[in-house]
Amino acid sequence: LIKGDVAAIQRSVAADAASMKWLSTGMVVLVAGGVVCFVALATLWR
Protein backbone atom coordinates (compact mmCIF):
# COMPACT_ATOMS: atom_id res chain seq x y z
CA LEU A 1 0.00 0.00 0.00
CA ILE A 2 2.63 2.54 0.99
CA LYS A 3 5.70 1.44 -1.03
CA GLY A 4 8.28 3.56 0.74
CA ASP A 5 6.02 6.43 1.74
CA VAL A 6 6.07 5.66 5.48
CA ALA A 7 8.84 8.11 6.34
CA ALA A 8 7.03 10.97 4.62
CA ILE A 9 3.79 10.10 6.41
CA GLN A 10 5.44 10.00 9.83
CA ARG A 11 7.17 13.33 9.22
CA SER A 12 3.88 14.90 8.14
CA VAL A 13 1.98 13.63 11.19
CA ALA A 14 4.74 14.73 13.59
CA ALA A 15 4.89 18.19 11.99
CA ASP A 16 1.12 18.61 12.17
CA ALA A 17 1.03 17.53 15.83
CA ALA A 18 3.75 20.07 16.70
CA SER A 19 1.97 22.82 14.75
CA MET A 20 -1.30 22.06 16.50
CA LYS A 21 0.35 22.36 19.92
CA TRP A 22 1.92 25.72 19.08
CA LEU A 23 -1.26 27.08 17.52
CA SER A 24 -3.40 25.99 20.48
CA THR A 25 -0.99 27.62 22.94
CA GLY A 26 -0.79 30.76 20.81
CA MET A 27 -4.57 31.00 20.63
CA VAL A 28 -4.90 31.00 24.43
CA VAL A 29 -2.00 33.44 24.90
CA LEU A 30 -3.37 35.88 22.32
CA VAL A 31 -6.89 35.99 23.76
CA ALA A 32 -5.55 36.32 27.32
CA GLY A 33 -3.16 39.04 26.15
CA GLY A 34 -6.03 40.94 24.56
CA VAL A 35 -7.99 40.87 27.83
CA VAL A 36 -4.95 42.02 29.83
CA CYS A 37 -4.28 44.89 27.40
CA PHE A 38 -7.88 46.04 27.54
CA VAL A 39 -8.10 45.94 31.32
CA ALA A 40 -4.73 47.64 31.81
CA LEU A 41 -5.36 50.45 29.32
CA ALA A 42 -8.94 51.05 30.45
CA THR A 43 -7.74 51.28 34.05
CA LEU A 44 -4.62 53.39 33.61
CA TRP A 45 -5.35 55.66 30.62
CA ARG A 46 -8.31 57.77 31.70
PDB file of all heavy atoms in Angstrom:
ATOM      1  N   LEU A   1       0.809  -1.207   0.000  1.00  0.00           N
ATOM      2  CA  LEU A   1       0.000   0.000   0.000  1.00  0.00           C
ATOM      3  C   LEU A   1       0.848   1.265   0.000  1.00  0.00           C
ATOM      4  O   LEU A   1       0.567   2.216  -0.730  1.00  0.00           O
ATOM      5  CB  LEU A   1      -0.928  -0.013   1.223  1.00  0.00           C
ATOM      6  CG  LEU A   1      -1.964   1.097   1.329  1.00  0.00           C
ATOM      7  CD1 LEU A   1      -2.952   1.051   0.160  1.00  0.00           C
ATOM      8  CD2 LEU A   1      -2.716   0.990   2.656  1.00  0.00           C
ATOM      9  N   ILE A   2       1.884   1.283   0.826  1.00  0.00           N
ATOM     10  CA  ILE A   2       2.631   2.535   0.993  1.00  0.00           C
ATOM     11  C   ILE A   2       3.886   2.618   0.125  1.00  0.00           C
ATOM     12  O   ILE A   2       4.292   3.700  -0.281  1.00  0.00           O
ATOM     13  CB  ILE A   2       2.996   2.765   2.470  1.00  0.00           C
ATOM     14  CG1 ILE A   2       3.811   1.602   3.019  1.00  0.00           C
ATOM     15  CG2 ILE A   2       1.742   2.951   3.294  1.00  0.00           C
ATOM     16  CD1 ILE A   2       4.191   1.761   4.472  1.00  0.00           C
ATOM     17  N   LYS A   3       4.542   1.482  -0.127  1.00  0.00           N
ATOM     18  CA  LYS A   3       5.696   1.441  -1.029  1.00  0.00           C
ATOM     19  C   LYS A   3       6.706   2.564  -0.771  1.00  0.00           C
ATOM     20  O   LYS A   3       6.975   3.408  -1.622  1.00  0.00           O
ATOM     21  CB  LYS A   3       5.235   1.482  -2.484  1.00  0.00           C
ATOM     22  CG  LYS A   3       4.501   0.221  -2.912  1.00  0.00           C
ATOM     23  CD  LYS A   3       4.238   0.208  -4.401  1.00  0.00           C
ATOM     24  CE  LYS A   3       3.608  -1.116  -4.805  1.00  0.00           C
ATOM     25  NZ  LYS A   3       3.310  -1.179  -6.246  1.00  0.00           N
ATOM     26  N   GLY A   4       7.222   2.606   0.432  1.00  0.00           N
ATOM     27  CA  GLY A   4       8.282   3.561   0.742  1.00  0.00           C
ATOM     28  C   GLY A   4       7.817   4.924   1.212  1.00  0.00           C
ATOM     29  O   GLY A   4       8.645   5.805   1.444  1.00  0.00           O
ATOM     30  N   ASP A   5       6.516   5.116   1.350  1.00  0.00           N
ATOM     31  CA  ASP A   5       6.019   6.431   1.742  1.00  0.00           C
ATOM     32  C   ASP A   5       5.921   6.616   3.254  1.00  0.00           C
ATOM     33  O   ASP A   5       5.523   7.679   3.726  1.00  0.00           O
ATOM     34  CB  ASP A   5       4.624   6.673   1.157  1.00  0.00           C
ATOM     35  CG  ASP A   5       4.685   6.953  -0.339  1.00  0.00           C
ATOM     36  OD1 ASP A   5       5.740   7.421  -0.789  1.00  0.00           O
ATOM     37  OD2 ASP A   5       3.695   6.698  -1.024  1.00  0.00           O
ATOM     38  N   VAL A   6       6.275   5.601   4.035  1.00  0.00           N
ATOM     39  CA  VAL A   6       6.072   5.659   5.480  1.00  0.00           C
ATOM     40  C   VAL A   6       6.815   6.809   6.136  1.00  0.00           C
ATOM     41  O   VAL A   6       6.300   7.484   7.010  1.00  0.00           O
ATOM     42  CB  VAL A   6       6.463   4.303   6.107  1.00  0.00           C
ATOM     43  CG1 VAL A   6       7.466   4.419   7.204  1.00  0.00           C
ATOM     44  CG2 VAL A   6       5.250   3.631   6.680  1.00  0.00           C
ATOM     45  N   ALA A   7       8.045   7.044   5.728  1.00  0.00           N
ATOM     46  CA  ALA A   7       8.838   8.107   6.341  1.00  0.00           C
ATOM     47  C   ALA A   7       8.190   9.466   6.123  1.00  0.00           C
ATOM     48  O   ALA A   7       8.120  10.299   7.032  1.00  0.00           O
ATOM     49  CB  ALA A   7      10.257   8.111   5.776  1.00  0.00           C
ATOM     50  N   ALA A   8       7.688   9.701   4.922  1.00  0.00           N
ATOM     51  CA  ALA A   8       7.030  10.975   4.621  1.00  0.00           C
ATOM     52  C   ALA A   8       5.759  11.133   5.453  1.00  0.00           C
ATOM     53  O   ALA A   8       5.453  12.226   5.943  1.00  0.00           O
ATOM     54  CB  ALA A   8       6.696  11.054   3.136  1.00  0.00           C
ATOM     55  N   ILE A   9       5.020  10.053   5.627  1.00  0.00           N
ATOM     56  CA  ILE A   9       3.789  10.102   6.413  1.00  0.00           C
ATOM     57  C   ILE A   9       4.097  10.438   7.864  1.00  0.00           C
ATOM     58  O   ILE A   9       3.455  11.285   8.480  1.00  0.00           O
ATOM     59  CB  ILE A   9       3.039   8.758   6.315  1.00  0.00           C
ATOM     60  CG1 ILE A   9       2.533   8.542   4.891  1.00  0.00           C
ATOM     61  CG2 ILE A   9       1.876   8.702   7.292  1.00  0.00           C
ATOM     62  CD1 ILE A   9       2.010   7.150   4.631  1.00  0.00           C
ATOM     63  N   GLN A  10       5.087   9.771   8.430  1.00  0.00           N
ATOM     64  CA  GLN A  10       5.444  10.003   9.830  1.00  0.00           C
ATOM     65  C   GLN A  10       5.928  11.432  10.047  1.00  0.00           C
ATOM     66  O   GLN A  10       5.600  12.067  11.054  1.00  0.00           O
ATOM     67  CB  GLN A  10       6.511   8.997  10.268  1.00  0.00           C
ATOM     68  CG  GLN A  10       5.994   7.576  10.369  1.00  0.00           C
ATOM     69  CD  GLN A  10       7.074   6.573  10.686  1.00  0.00           C
ATOM     70  OE1 GLN A  10       8.261   6.806  10.396  1.00  0.00           O
ATOM     71  NE2 GLN A  10       6.693   5.450  11.263  1.00  0.00           N
ATOM     72  N   ARG A  11       6.704  11.938   9.106  1.00  0.00           N
ATOM     73  CA  ARG A  11       7.169  13.332   9.224  1.00  0.00           C
ATOM     74  C   ARG A  11       5.995  14.298   9.169  1.00  0.00           C
ATOM     75  O   ARG A  11       5.946  15.282   9.906  1.00  0.00           O
ATOM     76  CB  ARG A  11       8.171  13.648   8.099  1.00  0.00           C
ATOM     77  CG  ARG A  11       9.540  13.042   8.294  1.00  0.00           C
ATOM     78  CD  ARG A  11      10.564  13.686   7.369  1.00  0.00           C
ATOM     79  NE  ARG A  11      10.209  13.522   5.967  1.00  0.00           N
ATOM     80  CZ  ARG A  11      10.585  12.498   5.221  1.00  0.00           C
ATOM     81  NH1 ARG A  11      11.319  11.531   5.734  1.00  0.00           N
ATOM     82  NH2 ARG A  11      10.228  12.433   3.939  1.00  0.00           N
ATOM     83  N   SER A  12       5.041  14.028   8.274  1.00  0.00           N
ATOM     84  CA  SER A  12       3.878  14.901   8.138  1.00  0.00           C
ATOM     85  C   SER A  12       3.037  14.910   9.411  1.00  0.00           C
ATOM     86  O   SER A  12       2.618  15.967   9.885  1.00  0.00           O
ATOM     87  CB  SER A  12       3.022  14.445   6.956  1.00  0.00           C
ATOM     88  OG  SER A  12       1.819  15.177   6.895  1.00  0.00           O
ATOM     89  N   VAL A  13       2.784  13.724   9.975  1.00  0.00           N
ATOM     90  CA  VAL A  13       1.977  13.632  11.190  1.00  0.00           C
ATOM     91  C   VAL A  13       2.671  14.330  12.350  1.00  0.00           C
ATOM     92  O   VAL A  13       2.045  15.084  13.115  1.00  0.00           O
ATOM     93  CB  VAL A  13       1.692  12.150  11.530  1.00  0.00           C
ATOM     94  CG1 VAL A  13       1.063  12.027  12.915  1.00  0.00           C
ATOM     95  CG2 VAL A  13       0.770  11.534  10.485  1.00  0.00           C
ATOM     96  N   ALA A  14       3.987  14.107  12.497  1.00  0.00           N
ATOM     97  CA  ALA A  14       4.735  14.730  13.588  1.00  0.00           C
ATOM     98  C   ALA A  14       4.731  16.252  13.447  1.00  0.00           C
ATOM     99  O   ALA A  14       4.570  16.983  14.434  1.00  0.00           O
ATOM    100  CB  ALA A  14       6.169  14.206  13.600  1.00  0.00           C
ATOM    101  N   ALA A  15       4.891  16.743  12.228  1.00  0.00           N
ATOM    102  CA  ALA A  15       4.886  18.188  11.988  1.00  0.00           C
ATOM    103  C   ALA A  15       3.524  18.793  12.302  1.00  0.00           C
ATOM    104  O   ALA A  15       3.432  19.873  12.910  1.00  0.00           O
ATOM    105  CB  ALA A  15       5.282  18.489  10.546  1.00  0.00           C
ATOM    106  N   ASP A  16       2.453  18.106  11.899  1.00  0.00           N
ATOM    107  CA  ASP A  16       1.117  18.611  12.169  1.00  0.00           C
ATOM    108  C   ASP A  16       0.810  18.618  13.663  1.00  0.00           C
ATOM    109  O   ASP A  16       0.168  19.540  14.177  1.00  0.00           O
ATOM    110  CB  ASP A  16       0.070  17.768  11.436  1.00  0.00           C
ATOM    111  CG  ASP A  16      -0.007  18.099   9.960  1.00  0.00           C
ATOM    112  OD1 ASP A  16       0.525  19.161   9.565  1.00  0.00           O
ATOM    113  OD2 ASP A  16      -0.595  17.321   9.191  1.00  0.00           O
ATOM    114  N   ALA A  17       1.253  17.589  14.383  1.00  0.00           N
ATOM    115  CA  ALA A  17       1.029  17.532  15.833  1.00  0.00           C
ATOM    116  C   ALA A  17       1.745  18.685  16.525  1.00  0.00           C
ATOM    117  O   ALA A  17       1.186  19.341  17.420  1.00  0.00           O
ATOM    118  CB  ALA A  17       1.507  16.189  16.391  1.00  0.00           C
ATOM    119  N   ALA A  18       2.993  18.961  16.108  1.00  0.00           N
ATOM    120  CA  ALA A  18       3.749  20.067  16.697  1.00  0.00           C
ATOM    121  C   ALA A  18       3.089  21.409  16.386  1.00  0.00           C
ATOM    122  O   ALA A  18       2.969  22.278  17.257  1.00  0.00           O
ATOM    123  CB  ALA A  18       5.191  20.046  16.178  1.00  0.00           C
ATOM    124  N   SER A  19       2.642  21.574  15.135  1.00  0.00           N
ATOM    125  CA  SER A  19       1.968  22.820  14.748  1.00  0.00           C
ATOM    126  C   SER A  19       0.690  23.034  15.550  1.00  0.00           C
ATOM    127  O   SER A  19       0.387  24.145  15.979  1.00  0.00           O
ATOM    128  CB  SER A  19       1.634  22.798  13.251  1.00  0.00           C
ATOM    129  OG  SER A  19       2.801  22.758  12.473  1.00  0.00           O
ATOM    130  N   MET A  20      -0.041  21.960  15.766  1.00  0.00           N
ATOM    131  CA  MET A  20      -1.295  22.056  16.497  1.00  0.00           C
ATOM    132  C   MET A  20      -1.051  22.480  17.945  1.00  0.00           C
ATOM    133  O   MET A  20      -1.802  23.275  18.507  1.00  0.00           O
ATOM    134  CB  MET A  20      -2.010  20.709  16.442  1.00  0.00           C
ATOM    135  CG  MET A  20      -3.458  20.747  16.862  1.00  0.00           C
ATOM    136  SD  MET A  20      -4.261  19.203  16.405  1.00  0.00           S
ATOM    137  CE  MET A  20      -5.765  19.384  17.353  1.00  0.00           C
ATOM    138  N   LYS A  21       0.005  21.978  18.545  1.00  0.00           N
ATOM    139  CA  LYS A  21       0.349  22.357  19.916  1.00  0.00           C
ATOM    140  C   LYS A  21       0.670  23.849  19.991  1.00  0.00           C
ATOM    141  O   LYS A  21       0.175  24.571  20.861  1.00  0.00           O
ATOM    142  CB  LYS A  21       1.544  21.544  20.408  1.00  0.00           C
ATOM    143  CG  LYS A  21       1.228  20.101  20.735  1.00  0.00           C
ATOM    144  CD  LYS A  21       2.481  19.385  21.246  1.00  0.00           C
ATOM    145  CE  LYS A  21       2.191  17.929  21.552  1.00  0.00           C
ATOM    146  NZ  LYS A  21       3.409  17.210  22.029  1.00  0.00           N
ATOM    147  N   TRP A  22       1.514  24.313  19.072  1.00  0.00           N
ATOM    148  CA  TRP A  22       1.917  25.718  19.077  1.00  0.00           C
ATOM    149  C   TRP A  22       0.733  26.641  18.798  1.00  0.00           C
ATOM    150  O   TRP A  22       0.571  27.689  19.442  1.00  0.00           O
ATOM    151  CB  TRP A  22       3.019  25.957  18.041  1.00  0.00           C
ATOM    152  CG  TRP A  22       4.378  25.540  18.520  1.00  0.00           C
ATOM    153  CD1 TRP A  22       5.087  24.446  18.136  1.00  0.00           C
ATOM    154  CD2 TRP A  22       5.183  26.205  19.500  1.00  0.00           C
ATOM    155  NE1 TRP A  22       6.276  24.375  18.806  1.00  0.00           N
ATOM    156  CE2 TRP A  22       6.369  25.445  19.650  1.00  0.00           C
ATOM    157  CE3 TRP A  22       5.022  27.349  20.261  1.00  0.00           C
ATOM    158  CZ2 TRP A  22       7.390  25.817  20.533  1.00  0.00           C
ATOM    159  CZ3 TRP A  22       6.033  27.726  21.143  1.00  0.00           C
ATOM    160  CH2 TRP A  22       7.197  26.963  21.270  1.00  0.00           C
ATOM    161  N   LEU A  23      -0.102  26.264  17.853  1.00  0.00           N
ATOM    162  CA  LEU A  23      -1.265  27.083  17.517  1.00  0.00           C
ATOM    163  C   LEU A  23      -2.255  27.146  18.676  1.00  0.00           C
ATOM    164  O   LEU A  23      -2.831  28.204  18.963  1.00  0.00           O
ATOM    165  CB  LEU A  23      -1.947  26.533  16.270  1.00  0.00           C
ATOM    166  CG  LEU A  23      -1.216  26.760  14.947  1.00  0.00           C
ATOM    167  CD1 LEU A  23      -1.806  25.881  13.856  1.00  0.00           C
ATOM    168  CD2 LEU A  23      -1.276  28.231  14.546  1.00  0.00           C
ATOM    169  N   SER A  24      -2.472  26.022  19.346  1.00  0.00           N
ATOM    170  CA  SER A  24      -3.399  25.991  20.478  1.00  0.00           C
ATOM    171  C   SER A  24      -2.889  26.871  21.609  1.00  0.00           C
ATOM    172  O   SER A  24      -3.651  27.633  22.223  1.00  0.00           O
ATOM    173  CB  SER A  24      -3.583  24.548  20.979  1.00  0.00           C
ATOM    174  OG  SER A  24      -4.143  23.738  19.977  1.00  0.00           O
ATOM    175  N   THR A  25      -1.590  26.778  21.894  1.00  0.00           N
ATOM    176  CA  THR A  25      -0.993  27.619  22.937  1.00  0.00           C
ATOM    177  C   THR A  25      -1.070  29.088  22.550  1.00  0.00           C
ATOM    178  O   THR A  25      -1.428  29.948  23.365  1.00  0.00           O
ATOM    179  CB  THR A  25       0.476  27.219  23.168  1.00  0.00           C
ATOM    180  OG1 THR A  25       0.538  25.840  23.554  1.00  0.00           O
ATOM    181  CG2 THR A  25       1.104  28.071  24.259  1.00  0.00           C
ATOM    182  N   GLY A  26      -0.737  29.373  21.286  1.00  0.00           N
ATOM    183  CA  GLY A  26      -0.786  30.756  20.812  1.00  0.00           C
ATOM    184  C   GLY A  26      -2.174  31.344  20.877  1.00  0.00           C
ATOM    185  O   GLY A  26      -2.348  32.526  21.223  1.00  0.00           O
ATOM    186  N   MET A  27      -3.186  30.535  20.581  1.00  0.00           N
ATOM    187  CA  MET A  27      -4.573  30.996  20.628  1.00  0.00           C
ATOM    188  C   MET A  27      -4.932  31.457  22.038  1.00  0.00           C
ATOM    189  O   MET A  27      -5.491  32.538  22.228  1.00  0.00           O
ATOM    190  CB  MET A  27      -5.491  29.860  20.191  1.00  0.00           C
ATOM    191  CG  MET A  27      -6.965  30.152  20.267  1.00  0.00           C
ATOM    192  SD  MET A  27      -7.934  28.753  19.624  1.00  0.00           S
ATOM    193  CE  MET A  27      -7.455  27.454  20.780  1.00  0.00           C
ATOM    194  N   VAL A  28      -4.592  30.665  23.041  1.00  0.00           N
ATOM    195  CA  VAL A  28      -4.899  31.005  24.433  1.00  0.00           C
ATOM    196  C   VAL A  28      -4.129  32.252  24.867  1.00  0.00           C
ATOM    197  O   VAL A  28      -4.682  33.163  25.491  1.00  0.00           O
ATOM    198  CB  VAL A  28      -4.563  29.821  25.362  1.00  0.00           C
ATOM    199  CG1 VAL A  28      -4.723  30.223  26.827  1.00  0.00           C
ATOM    200  CG2 VAL A  28      -5.466  28.636  25.047  1.00  0.00           C
ATOM    201  N   VAL A  29      -2.841  32.301  24.508  1.00  0.00           N
ATOM    202  CA  VAL A  29      -2.001  33.438  24.896  1.00  0.00           C
ATOM    203  C   VAL A  29      -2.507  34.739  24.269  1.00  0.00           C
ATOM    204  O   VAL A  29      -2.553  35.789  24.924  1.00  0.00           O
ATOM    205  CB  VAL A  29      -0.533  33.179  24.501  1.00  0.00           C
ATOM    206  CG1 VAL A  29       0.308  34.448  24.668  1.00  0.00           C
ATOM    207  CG2 VAL A  29       0.049  32.047  25.342  1.00  0.00           C
ATOM    208  N   LEU A  30      -2.896  34.680  23.007  1.00  0.00           N
ATOM    209  CA  LEU A  30      -3.372  35.882  22.318  1.00  0.00           C
ATOM    210  C   LEU A  30      -4.658  36.424  22.928  1.00  0.00           C
ATOM    211  O   LEU A  30      -4.779  37.632  23.176  1.00  0.00           O
ATOM    212  CB  LEU A  30      -3.589  35.572  20.831  1.00  0.00           C
ATOM    213  CG  LEU A  30      -2.317  35.474  19.984  1.00  0.00           C
ATOM    214  CD1 LEU A  30      -2.623  34.836  18.636  1.00  0.00           C
ATOM    215  CD2 LEU A  30      -1.693  36.851  19.794  1.00  0.00           C
ATOM    216  N   VAL A  31      -5.625  35.529  23.171  1.00  0.00           N
ATOM    217  CA  VAL A  31      -6.892  35.988  23.756  1.00  0.00           C
ATOM    218  C   VAL A  31      -6.669  36.535  25.163  1.00  0.00           C
ATOM    219  O   VAL A  31      -7.204  37.589  25.533  1.00  0.00           O
ATOM    220  CB  VAL A  31      -7.930  34.847  23.777  1.00  0.00           C
ATOM    221  CG1 VAL A  31      -9.187  35.277  24.516  1.00  0.00           C
ATOM    222  CG2 VAL A  31      -8.291  34.447  22.346  1.00  0.00           C
ATOM    223  N   ALA A  32      -5.855  35.836  25.961  1.00  0.00           N
ATOM    224  CA  ALA A  32      -5.553  36.316  27.315  1.00  0.00           C
ATOM    225  C   ALA A  32      -4.816  37.645  27.265  1.00  0.00           C
ATOM    226  O   ALA A  32      -5.096  38.559  28.051  1.00  0.00           O
ATOM    227  CB  ALA A  32      -4.721  35.277  28.063  1.00  0.00           C
ATOM    228  N   GLY A  33      -3.892  37.777  26.299  1.00  0.00           N
ATOM    229  CA  GLY A  33      -3.162  39.036  26.147  1.00  0.00           C
ATOM    230  C   GLY A  33      -4.077  40.183  25.779  1.00  0.00           C
ATOM    231  O   GLY A  33      -3.900  41.313  26.247  1.00  0.00           O
ATOM    232  N   GLY A  34      -5.070  39.904  24.927  1.00  0.00           N
ATOM    233  CA  GLY A  34      -6.030  40.943  24.561  1.00  0.00           C
ATOM    234  C   GLY A  34      -6.828  41.425  25.756  1.00  0.00           C
ATOM    235  O   GLY A  34      -7.066  42.630  25.921  1.00  0.00           O
ATOM    236  N   VAL A  35      -7.240  40.495  26.621  1.00  0.00           N
ATOM    237  CA  VAL A  35      -7.991  40.867  27.829  1.00  0.00           C
ATOM    238  C   VAL A  35      -7.122  41.705  28.752  1.00  0.00           C
ATOM    239  O   VAL A  35      -7.560  42.733  29.288  1.00  0.00           O
ATOM    240  CB  VAL A  35      -8.501  39.607  28.557  1.00  0.00           C
ATOM    241  CG1 VAL A  35      -9.123  39.976  29.904  1.00  0.00           C
ATOM    242  CG2 VAL A  35      -9.523  38.868  27.697  1.00  0.00           C
ATOM    243  N   VAL A  36      -5.869  41.291  28.946  1.00  0.00           N
ATOM    244  CA  VAL A  36      -4.950  42.022  29.834  1.00  0.00           C
ATOM    245  C   VAL A  36      -4.714  43.439  29.312  1.00  0.00           C
ATOM    246  O   VAL A  36      -4.741  44.414  30.085  1.00  0.00           O
ATOM    247  CB  VAL A  36      -3.615  41.265  29.961  1.00  0.00           C
ATOM    248  CG1 VAL A  36      -2.573  42.135  30.670  1.00  0.00           C
ATOM    249  CG2 VAL A  36      -3.815  39.962  30.731  1.00  0.00           C
ATOM    250  N   CYS A  37      -4.493  43.570  27.998  1.00  0.00           N
ATOM    251  CA  CYS A  37      -4.277  44.890  27.402  1.00  0.00           C
ATOM    252  C   CYS A  37      -5.488  45.794  27.609  1.00  0.00           C
ATOM    253  O   CYS A  37      -5.347  46.965  27.976  1.00  0.00           O
ATOM    254  CB  CYS A  37      -3.975  44.761  25.912  1.00  0.00           C
ATOM    255  SG  CYS A  37      -2.322  44.174  25.534  1.00  0.00           S
ATOM    256  N   PHE A  38      -6.658  45.240  27.383  1.00  0.00           N
ATOM    257  CA  PHE A  38      -7.875  46.041  27.536  1.00  0.00           C
ATOM    258  C   PHE A  38      -8.046  46.511  28.975  1.00  0.00           C
ATOM    259  O   PHE A  38      -8.293  47.695  29.237  1.00  0.00           O
ATOM    260  CB  PHE A  38      -9.099  45.240  27.105  1.00  0.00           C
ATOM    261  CG  PHE A  38     -10.389  45.970  27.335  1.00  0.00           C
ATOM    262  CD1 PHE A  38     -10.778  46.992  26.485  1.00  0.00           C
ATOM    263  CD2 PHE A  38     -11.194  45.665  28.417  1.00  0.00           C
ATOM    264  CE1 PHE A  38     -11.958  47.688  26.700  1.00  0.00           C
ATOM    265  CE2 PHE A  38     -12.378  46.351  28.643  1.00  0.00           C
ATOM    266  CZ  PHE A  38     -12.764  47.367  27.787  1.00  0.00           C
ATOM    267  N   VAL A  39      -7.919  45.591  29.907  1.00  0.00           N
ATOM    268  CA  VAL A  39      -8.102  45.936  31.320  1.00  0.00           C
ATOM    269  C   VAL A  39      -7.063  46.955  31.773  1.00  0.00           C
ATOM    270  O   VAL A  39      -7.390  47.948  32.445  1.00  0.00           O
ATOM    271  CB  VAL A  39      -8.038  44.668  32.198  1.00  0.00           C
ATOM    272  CG1 VAL A  39      -8.023  45.040  33.675  1.00  0.00           C
ATOM    273  CG2 VAL A  39      -9.218  43.754  31.900  1.00  0.00           C
ATOM    274  N   ALA A  40      -5.798  46.733  31.383  1.00  0.00           N
ATOM    275  CA  ALA A  40      -4.725  47.639  31.808  1.00  0.00           C
ATOM    276  C   ALA A  40      -4.920  49.041  31.243  1.00  0.00           C
ATOM    277  O   ALA A  40      -4.823  50.047  31.968  1.00  0.00           O
ATOM    278  CB  ALA A  40      -3.375  47.071  31.372  1.00  0.00           C
ATOM    279  N   LEU A  41      -5.198  49.138  29.949  1.00  0.00           N
ATOM    280  CA  LEU A  41      -5.357  50.448  29.322  1.00  0.00           C
ATOM    281  C   LEU A  41      -6.607  51.170  29.831  1.00  0.00           C
ATOM    282  O   LEU A  41      -6.581  52.381  30.095  1.00  0.00           O
ATOM    283  CB  LEU A  41      -5.416  50.304  27.804  1.00  0.00           C
ATOM    284  CG  LEU A  41      -4.079  49.970  27.129  1.00  0.00           C
ATOM    285  CD1 LEU A  41      -4.288  49.587  25.682  1.00  0.00           C
ATOM    286  CD2 LEU A  41      -3.128  51.160  27.242  1.00  0.00           C
ATOM    287  N   ALA A  42      -7.706  50.423  29.966  1.00  0.00           N
ATOM    288  CA  ALA A  42      -8.940  51.045  30.447  1.00  0.00           C
ATOM    289  C   ALA A  42      -8.800  51.533  31.882  1.00  0.00           C
ATOM    290  O   ALA A  42      -9.448  52.503  32.287  1.00  0.00           O
ATOM    291  CB  ALA A  42     -10.095  50.046  30.342  1.00  0.00           C
ATOM    292  N   THR A  43      -7.948  50.890  32.645  1.00  0.00           N
ATOM    293  CA  THR A  43      -7.743  51.280  34.048  1.00  0.00           C
ATOM    294  C   THR A  43      -6.780  52.450  34.187  1.00  0.00           C
ATOM    295  O   THR A  43      -7.008  53.377  34.973  1.00  0.00           O
ATOM    296  CB  THR A  43      -7.205  50.078  34.853  1.00  0.00           C
ATOM    297  OG1 THR A  43      -8.116  48.991  34.761  1.00  0.00           O
ATOM    298  CG2 THR A  43      -7.016  50.448  36.322  1.00  0.00           C
ATOM    299  N   LEU A  44      -5.702  52.423  33.406  1.00  0.00           N
ATOM    300  CA  LEU A  44      -4.616  53.389  33.606  1.00  0.00           C
ATOM    301  C   LEU A  44      -4.710  54.637  32.722  1.00  0.00           C
ATOM    302  O   LEU A  44      -4.213  55.699  33.104  1.00  0.00           O
ATOM    303  CB  LEU A  44      -3.273  52.694  33.358  1.00  0.00           C
ATOM    304  CG  LEU A  44      -2.981  51.475  34.256  1.00  0.00           C
ATOM    305  CD1 LEU A  44      -1.680  50.810  33.832  1.00  0.00           C
ATOM    306  CD2 LEU A  44      -2.916  51.907  35.723  1.00  0.00           C
ATOM    307  N   TRP A  45      -5.326  54.514  31.553  1.00  0.00           N
ATOM    308  CA  TRP A  45      -5.352  55.657  30.621  1.00  0.00           C
ATOM    309  C   TRP A  45      -6.758  56.243  30.622  1.00  0.00           C
ATOM    310  O   TRP A  45      -7.612  55.840  29.858  1.00  0.00           O
ATOM    311  CB  TRP A  45      -4.956  55.172  29.236  1.00  0.00           C
ATOM    312  CG  TRP A  45      -4.650  56.298  28.274  1.00  0.00           C
ATOM    313  CD1 TRP A  45      -4.667  57.638  28.523  1.00  0.00           C
ATOM    314  CD2 TRP A  45      -4.289  56.152  26.890  1.00  0.00           C
ATOM    315  NE1 TRP A  45      -4.342  58.340  27.409  1.00  0.00           N
ATOM    316  CE2 TRP A  45      -4.094  57.456  26.381  1.00  0.00           C
ATOM    317  CE3 TRP A  45      -4.111  55.056  26.062  1.00  0.00           C
ATOM    318  CZ2 TRP A  45      -3.740  57.667  25.060  1.00  0.00           C
ATOM    319  CZ3 TRP A  45      -3.748  55.275  24.750  1.00  0.00           C
ATOM    320  CH2 TRP A  45      -3.560  56.574  24.254  1.00  0.00           C
ATOM    321  N   ARG A  46      -6.965  57.224  31.483  1.00  0.00           N
ATOM    322  CA  ARG A  46      -8.306  57.772  31.697  1.00  0.00           C
ATOM    323  C   ARG A  46      -8.544  59.098  30.973  1.00  0.00           C
ATOM    324  O   ARG A  46      -9.539  59.782  31.243  1.00  0.00           O
ATOM    325  CB  ARG A  46      -8.545  57.993  33.201  1.00  0.00           C
ATOM    326  CG  ARG A  46      -8.319  56.770  34.082  1.00  0.00           C
ATOM    327  CD  ARG A  46      -9.179  55.595  33.680  1.00  0.00           C
ATOM    328  NE  ARG A  46     -10.607  55.902  33.808  1.00  0.00           N
ATOM    329  CZ  ARG A  46     -11.581  55.113  33.392  1.00  0.00           C
ATOM    330  NH1 ARG A  46     -11.275  53.972  32.772  1.00  0.00           N
ATOM    331  NH2 ARG A  46     -12.843  55.448  33.550  1.00  0.00           N
TER     332      ARG A  46
END
